[in-house]
């Protein structure tokens, strides 16, 4: 299934920020260079992101539910 619309890097950063409270175009650019970021595609020279890939990446970075900071030691 194809996304309704691919997002340019700035829009992808805004999408992550609005949905998960964290993200920016600069961070996505850095991760595209270093690795570890969400899957992206190129449309000529333009980098685009599928919102489904952004969601999968963001969710992969979330921890399991915690009740206290001491739960972090068990993880």
C-alpha atoms as a PDB file:
ATOM      1  CA  UNK A   1       0.000   0.000   0.000  1.00  0.00           C
ATOM      2  CA  UNK A   2       1.281   3.438  -0.875  1.00  0.00           C
ATOM      3  CA  UNK A   3       1.003   6.453   1.378  1.00  0.00           C
ATOM      4  CA  UNK A   4      -1.559   9.092   0.600  1.00  0.00           C
ATOM      5  CA  UNK A   5       1.353  11.519   0.354  1.00  0.00           C
ATOM      6  CA  UNK A   6       5.088  11.454   0.860  1.00  0.00           C
ATOM      7  CA  UNK A   7       6.462  14.148   3.148  1.00  0.00           C
ATOM      8  CA  UNK A   8       9.503  16.296   2.472  1.00  0.00           C
ATOM      9  CA  UNK A   9      12.075  16.421   5.249  1.00  0.00           C
ATOM     10  CA  UNK A  10      10.700  19.604   6.854  1.00  0.00           C
ATOM     11  CA  UNK A  11       7.162  18.215   6.806  1.00  0.00           C
ATOM     12  CA  UNK A  12       8.407  14.884   8.179  1.00  0.00           C
ATOM     13  CA  UNK A  13      10.062  16.665  11.099  1.00  0.00           C
ATOM     14  CA  UNK A  14       6.863  18.587  11.787  1.00  0.00           C
ATOM     15  CA  UNK A  15       4.855  15.352  11.556  1.00  0.00           C
ATOM     16  CA  UNK A  16       7.073  13.635  14.145  1.00  0.00           C
ATOM     17  CA  UNK A  17       6.982  16.697  16.415  1.00  0.00           C
ATOM     18  CA  UNK A  18       3.190  16.968  16.292  1.00  0.00           C
ATOM     19  CA  UNK A  19       2.522  13.247  16.716  1.00  0.00           C
ATOM     20  CA  UNK A  20       5.319  12.188  19.113  1.00  0.00           C
ATOM     21  CA  UNK A  21       6.528  15.461  20.619  1.00  0.00           C
ATOM     22  CA  UNK A  22      10.026  15.063  19.222  1.00  0.00           C
ATOM     23  CA  UNK A  23      11.601  15.473  15.805  1.00  0.00           C
ATOM     24  CA  UNK A  24      13.009  18.012  13.384  1.00  0.00           C
ATOM     25  CA  UNK A  25      14.242  18.320   9.827  1.00  0.00           C
ATOM     26  CA  UNK A  26      17.794  18.836  11.126  1.00  0.00           C
ATOM     27  CA  UNK A  27      17.680  15.618  13.136  1.00  0.00           C
ATOM     28  CA  UNK A  28      16.355  13.693  10.141  1.00  0.00           C
ATOM     29  CA  UNK A  29      19.119  15.114   7.937  1.00  0.00           C
ATOM     30  CA  UNK A  30      21.767  14.147  10.482  1.00  0.00           C
ATOM     31  CA  UNK A  31      20.376  10.624  10.841  1.00  0.00           C
ATOM     32  CA  UNK A  32      20.206  10.234   7.054  1.00  0.00           C
ATOM     33  CA  UNK A  33      23.966  10.871   7.010  1.00  0.00           C
ATOM     34  CA  UNK A  34      24.970   8.904  10.112  1.00  0.00           C
ATOM     35  CA  UNK A  35      22.359   6.147   9.981  1.00  0.00           C
ATOM     36  CA  UNK A  36      19.777   5.088  12.509  1.00  0.00           C
ATOM     37  CA  UNK A  37      16.935   7.213  11.203  1.00  0.00           C
ATOM     38  CA  UNK A  38      13.714   6.304   9.461  1.00  0.00           C
ATOM     39  CA  UNK A  39      13.622   4.903   5.943  1.00  0.00           C
ATOM     40  CA  UNK A  40      13.548   7.615   3.294  1.00  0.00           C
ATOM     41  CA  UNK A  41      13.369   7.786  -0.471  1.00  0.00           C
ATOM     42  CA  UNK A  42      14.667  10.167  -3.064  1.00  0.00           C
ATOM     43  CA  UNK A  43      12.571  11.791  -5.731  1.00  0.00           C
ATOM     44  CA  UNK A  44      15.369  13.184  -7.853  1.00  0.00           C
ATOM     45  CA  UNK A  45      17.295  15.377  -5.414  1.00  0.00           C
ATOM     46  CA  UNK A  46      14.401  15.683  -2.972  1.00  0.00           C
ATOM     47  CA  UNK A  47      14.305  13.432   0.094  1.00  0.00           C
ATOM     48  CA  UNK A  48      10.821  12.183   0.994  1.00  0.00           C
ATOM     49  CA  UNK A  49       9.419  10.091   3.821  1.00  0.00           C
ATOM     50  CA  UNK A  50       6.440   7.760   4.002  1.00  0.00           C
ATOM     51  CA  UNK A  51       4.429   8.578   7.163  1.00  0.00           C
ATOM     52  CA  UNK A  52       4.117   4.820   7.823  1.00  0.00           C
ATOM     53  CA  UNK A  53       7.930   4.556   7.958  1.00  0.00           C
ATOM     54  CA  UNK A  54       8.109   7.571  10.283  1.00  0.00           C
ATOM     55  CA  UNK A  55       5.581   5.957  12.636  1.00  0.00           C
ATOM     56  CA  UNK A  56       7.427   2.621  12.622  1.00  0.00           C
ATOM     57  CA  UNK A  57      10.742   4.329  13.384  1.00  0.00           C
ATOM     58  CA  UNK A  58       9.291   6.479  16.181  1.00  0.00           C
ATOM     59  CA  UNK A  59       7.545   3.492  17.787  1.00  0.00           C
ATOM     60  CA  UNK A  60      10.761   1.450  17.618  1.00  0.00           C
ATOM     61  CA  UNK A  61      12.417   4.098  19.802  1.00  0.00           C
ATOM     62  CA  UNK A  62       9.727   3.998  22.502  1.00  0.00           C
ATOM     63  CA  UNK A  63      10.330   1.961  25.653  1.00  0.00           C
ATOM     64  CA  UNK A  64       7.841  -0.403  27.195  1.00  0.00           C
ATOM     65  CA  UNK A  65       5.376   1.286  29.572  1.00  0.00           C
ATOM     66  CA  UNK A  66       6.986   2.321  32.872  1.00  0.00           C
ATOM     67  CA  UNK A  67       5.511   3.099  36.276  1.00  0.00           C
ATOM     68  CA  UNK A  68       8.638   4.762  37.692  1.00  0.00           C
ATOM     69  CA  UNK A  69      12.167   5.725  36.715  1.00  0.00           C
ATOM     70  CA  UNK A  70      13.446   2.756  38.725  1.00  0.00           C
ATOM     71  CA  UNK A  71      11.792   0.530  36.100  1.00  0.00           C
ATOM     72  CA  UNK A  72      14.470   1.710  33.672  1.00  0.00           C
ATOM     73  CA  UNK A  73      17.115  -0.338  35.505  1.00  0.00           C
ATOM     74  CA  UNK A  74      15.165  -3.520  34.843  1.00  0.00           C
ATOM     75  CA  UNK A  75      15.054  -2.857  31.098  1.00  0.00           C
END
